Each structure stands twice: as structure tokens, then as C-alpha cells.
Amino acid sequence: MLSTGDSSLAKNIEFYLWNADREQTVAEKIVSILSKSWPLTLKEIHEMVAGKSEKVSHQATHKALKGLVKNRVLSKDGFKYELSMEWLKKLNNFSKAAIIVRQNKKSAKRFH
């Protein structure tokens, strides 16, 4: 179970749960893309991230991928990337724990 003291995980989760009021970062776009289609190569990911926009360079995509792998959000097998099952399980545990805490606080408020 996820402990509240796992600051690196909390930092990663906070980073990837973006605010809809702003444009997604390259890393956020990559996570979103790989949640729907995997495994993908750097070239495939870059084409999807950049789309019709030329604002995102190949180097920016590569840098974001390296950071995501370093933070264990993605796993890499050969030249292909996918979301890390370890990260997905931790994200799932974090969500479940947050729901339980929220439900317990609602229950506690009813009795006050």
C-alpha cells in the first residue's frame, strides 16, 4: 500500500495529473499517448506528440522520454516505450487510498 511518505511517487503522480486549464507538457502528452497505445518507438511517439505543431522538437520528446524512464513512469524494451506496470499499480494504490481517506472524512463529518 502506498504510504503518504513516498514523496517521489507523490511528486510523479502530481506531475502527471495535469490541470485542464493549461496546455499539457511533452511528458504529459507522452503519458496520455502511451495510456492508449503501446509499445511505441521514439519516432512514433514524437509524431503523435508533435502532431501538426512544429513547436515540439525531436530533442524535447527524447528528453521527456528519458526523464519518464528515469522516474520509472515508463519502461523501455529495446527501442519501444510503454507505461510502467509498477507506476500504474502505484498510481492505482494512491487513488484507492485517496478515495478511502475522502470517504472516511465524509463519514466523520456526518457525526460531528
C-alpha atoms as a PDB file:
ATOM      1  CA  MET A   1       0.000   0.000   0.000  1.00  0.00           C
ATOM      2  CA  LEU A   2       1.198   3.491  -0.780  1.00  0.00           C
ATOM      3  CA  SER A   3       2.415   5.418   2.210  1.00  0.00           C
ATOM      4  CA  THR A   4       1.957   9.152   2.436  1.00  0.00           C
ATOM      5  CA  GLY A   5       5.705   9.407   2.993  1.00  0.00           C
ATOM      6  CA  ASP A   6       6.524   8.272  -0.545  1.00  0.00           C
ATOM      7  CA  SER A   7       7.355  11.775  -1.762  1.00  0.00           C
ATOM      8  CA  SER A   8       8.925  10.788  -5.088  1.00  0.00           C
ATOM      9  CA  LEU A   9       5.799   8.879  -6.086  1.00  0.00           C
ATOM     10  CA  ALA A  10       3.549  11.687  -4.910  1.00  0.00           C
ATOM     11  CA  LYS A  11       5.655  14.142  -6.922  1.00  0.00           C
ATOM     12  CA  ASN A  12       5.353  11.961 -10.046  1.00  0.00           C
ATOM     13  CA  ILE A  13       1.613  11.497  -9.615  1.00  0.00           C
ATOM     14  CA  GLU A  14       1.059  15.202  -9.016  1.00  0.00           C
ATOM     15  CA  PHE A  15       3.085  15.999 -12.123  1.00  0.00           C
ATOM     16  CA  TYR A  16       1.083  13.676 -14.369  1.00  0.00           C
ATOM     17  CA  LEU A  17      -2.370  14.659 -13.180  1.00  0.00           C
ATOM     18  CA  TRP A  18      -2.410  17.855 -15.142  1.00  0.00           C
ATOM     19  CA  ASN A  19      -4.662  20.842 -14.974  1.00  0.00           C
ATOM     20  CA  ALA A  20      -7.073  21.111 -17.900  1.00  0.00           C
ATOM     21  CA  ASP A  21      -6.731  24.901 -17.826  1.00  0.00           C
ATOM     22  CA  ARG A  22      -3.243  24.793 -19.313  1.00  0.00           C
ATOM     23  CA  GLU A  23      -1.535  23.092 -22.217  1.00  0.00           C
ATOM     24  CA  GLN A  24      -0.056  19.692 -21.448  1.00  0.00           C
ATOM     25  CA  THR A  25       3.710  19.338 -21.204  1.00  0.00           C
ATOM     26  CA  VAL A  26       5.526  16.993 -23.573  1.00  0.00           C
ATOM     27  CA  ALA A  27       5.849  14.415 -20.771  1.00  0.00           C
ATOM     28  CA  GLU A  28       2.127  14.634 -20.009  1.00  0.00           C
ATOM     29  CA  LYS A  29       1.304  14.146 -23.678  1.00  0.00           C
ATOM     30  CA  ILE A  30       3.553  11.080 -23.782  1.00  0.00           C
ATOM     31  CA  VAL A  31       1.828   9.542 -20.743  1.00  0.00           C
ATOM     32  CA  SER A  32      -1.543  10.207 -22.321  1.00  0.00           C
ATOM     33  CA  ILE A  33      -0.491   8.689 -25.666  1.00  0.00           C
ATOM     34  CA  LEU A  34       1.012   5.588 -24.066  1.00  0.00           C
ATOM     35  CA  SER A  35      -2.111   5.055 -21.974  1.00  0.00           C
ATOM     36  CA  LYS A  36      -3.967   4.352 -25.213  1.00  0.00           C
ATOM     37  CA  SER A  37      -1.362   2.750 -27.478  1.00  0.00           C
ATOM     38  CA  TRP A  38       1.827   0.825 -26.680  1.00  0.00           C
ATOM     39  CA  PRO A  39       4.609  -0.056 -27.108  1.00  0.00           C
ATOM     40  CA  LEU A  40       5.796   2.791 -29.324  1.00  0.00           C
ATOM     41  CA  THR A  41       9.178   3.931 -30.613  1.00  0.00           C
ATOM     42  CA  LEU A  42      10.630   7.399 -30.093  1.00  0.00           C
ATOM     43  CA  LYS A  43       9.754   8.261 -33.691  1.00  0.00           C
ATOM     44  CA  GLU A  44       6.140   7.118 -33.294  1.00  0.00           C
ATOM     45  CA  ILE A  45       5.754   8.976 -30.011  1.00  0.00           C
ATOM     46  CA  HIS A  46       7.307  12.142 -31.413  1.00  0.00           C
ATOM     47  CA  GLU A  47       4.976  12.104 -34.429  1.00  0.00           C
ATOM     48  CA  MET A  48       1.973  11.822 -32.103  1.00  0.00           C
ATOM     49  CA  VAL A  49       3.243  14.458 -29.645  1.00  0.00           C
ATOM     50  CA  ALA A  50       4.190  16.949 -32.302  1.00  0.00           C
ATOM     51  CA  GLY A  51       1.162  16.304 -34.473  1.00  0.00           C
ATOM     52  CA  LYS A  52       0.815  19.240 -36.813  1.00  0.00           C
ATOM     53  CA  SER A  53       2.644  21.521 -34.390  1.00  0.00           C
ATOM     54  CA  GLU A  54       6.290  22.169 -35.079  1.00  0.00           C
ATOM     55  CA  LYS A  55       6.762  23.608 -31.596  1.00  0.00           C
ATOM     56  CA  VAL A  56       7.923  20.268 -30.168  1.00  0.00           C
ATOM     57  CA  SER A  57      11.388  19.203 -31.269  1.00  0.00           C
ATOM     58  CA  HIS A  58      12.631  15.635 -31.542  1.00  0.00           C
ATOM     59  CA  GLN A  59      15.133  16.515 -28.810  1.00  0.00           C
ATOM     60  CA  ALA A  60      12.346  17.690 -26.467  1.00  0.00           C
ATOM     61  CA  THR A  61      10.474  14.413 -26.968  1.00  0.00           C
ATOM     62  CA  HIS A  62      13.647  12.387 -26.344  1.00  0.00           C
ATOM     63  CA  LYS A  63      14.475  14.378 -23.201  1.00  0.00           C
ATOM     64  CA  ALA A  64      10.955  13.865 -21.826  1.00  0.00           C
ATOM     65  CA  LEU A  65      11.139  10.116 -22.552  1.00  0.00           C
ATOM     66  CA  LYS A  66      14.489   9.838 -20.760  1.00  0.00           C
ATOM     67  CA  GLY A  67      13.061  11.625 -17.711  1.00  0.00           C
ATOM     68  CA  LEU A  68       9.975   9.408 -17.649  1.00  0.00           C
ATOM     69  CA  VAL A  69      12.126   6.272 -17.835  1.00  0.00           C
ATOM     70  CA  LYS A  70      14.456   7.613 -15.121  1.00  0.00           C
ATOM     71  CA  ASN A  71      11.440   8.257 -12.865  1.00  0.00           C
ATOM     72  CA  ARG A  72      10.105   4.767 -13.654  1.00  0.00           C
ATOM     73  CA  VAL A  73       6.898   6.102 -15.178  1.00  0.00           C
ATOM     74  CA  LEU A  74       7.833   4.385 -18.441  1.00  0.00           C
ATOM     75  CA  SER A  75       9.655   1.195 -19.176  1.00  0.00           C
ATOM     76  CA  LYS A  76      11.797   0.680 -22.255  1.00  0.00           C
ATOM     77  CA  ASP A  77      12.336  -2.595 -24.063  1.00  0.00           C
ATOM     78  CA  GLY A  78      14.786  -2.224 -26.907  1.00  0.00           C
ATOM     79  CA  PHE A  79      13.596   0.820 -28.809  1.00  0.00           C
ATOM     80  CA  LYS A  80       9.998   0.734 -27.587  1.00  0.00           C
ATOM     81  CA  TYR A  81       8.385   2.534 -24.659  1.00  0.00           C
ATOM     82  CA  GLU A  82       5.305   1.809 -22.574  1.00  0.00           C
ATOM     83  CA  LEU A  83       3.820   2.849 -19.237  1.00  0.00           C
ATOM     84  CA  SER A  84       5.464   1.027 -16.357  1.00  0.00           C
ATOM     85  CA  MET A  85       3.176  -1.512 -14.692  1.00  0.00           C
ATOM     86  CA  GLU A  86       4.895  -0.673 -11.402  1.00  0.00           C
ATOM     87  CA  TRP A  87       3.969   3.017 -11.804  1.00  0.00           C
ATOM     88  CA  LEU A  88       0.410   2.178 -12.854  1.00  0.00           C
ATOM     89  CA  LYS A  89      -0.043  -0.051  -9.791  1.00  0.00           C
ATOM     90  CA  LYS A  90       1.323   2.681  -7.516  1.00  0.00           C
ATOM     91  CA  LEU A  91      -0.979   5.210  -9.151  1.00  0.00           C
ATOM     92  CA  ASN A  92      -3.896   2.837  -8.632  1.00  0.00           C
ATOM     93  CA  ASN A  93      -2.973   2.326  -4.963  1.00  0.00           C
ATOM     94  CA  PHE A  94      -2.625   6.079  -4.494  1.00  0.00           C
ATOM     95  CA  SER A  95      -6.091   6.635  -5.979  1.00  0.00           C
ATOM     96  CA  LYS A  96      -7.662   3.928  -3.831  1.00  0.00           C
ATOM     97  CA  ALA A  97      -6.038   5.352  -0.682  1.00  0.00           C
ATOM     98  CA  ALA A  98      -7.209   8.873  -1.546  1.00  0.00           C
ATOM     99  CA  ILE A  99     -10.770   7.628  -2.048  1.00  0.00           C
ATOM    100  CA  ILE A 100     -10.736   5.813   1.303  1.00  0.00           C
ATOM    101  CA  VAL A 101      -9.422   8.899   3.110  1.00  0.00           C
ATOM    102  CA  ARG A 102     -12.039  11.056   1.415  1.00  0.00           C
ATOM    103  CA  GLN A 103     -14.856   8.658   2.282  1.00  0.00           C
ATOM    104  CA  ASN A 104     -13.683   8.417   5.895  1.00  0.00           C
ATOM    105  CA  LYS A 105     -13.596  12.200   6.234  1.00  0.00           C
ATOM    106  CA  LYS A 106     -17.127  12.468   4.827  1.00  0.00           C
ATOM    107  CA  SER A 107     -18.301   9.822   7.310  1.00  0.00           C
ATOM    108  CA  ALA A 108     -16.580  11.606  10.184  1.00  0.00           C
ATOM    109  CA  LYS A 109     -18.200  14.942   9.236  1.00  0.00           C
ATOM    110  CA  ARG A 110     -21.674  13.390   9.460  1.00  0.00           C
ATOM    111  CA  PHE A 111     -21.112  12.522  13.118  1.00  0.00           C
ATOM    112  CA  HIS A 112     -19.899  15.973  14.190  1.00  0.00           C
END
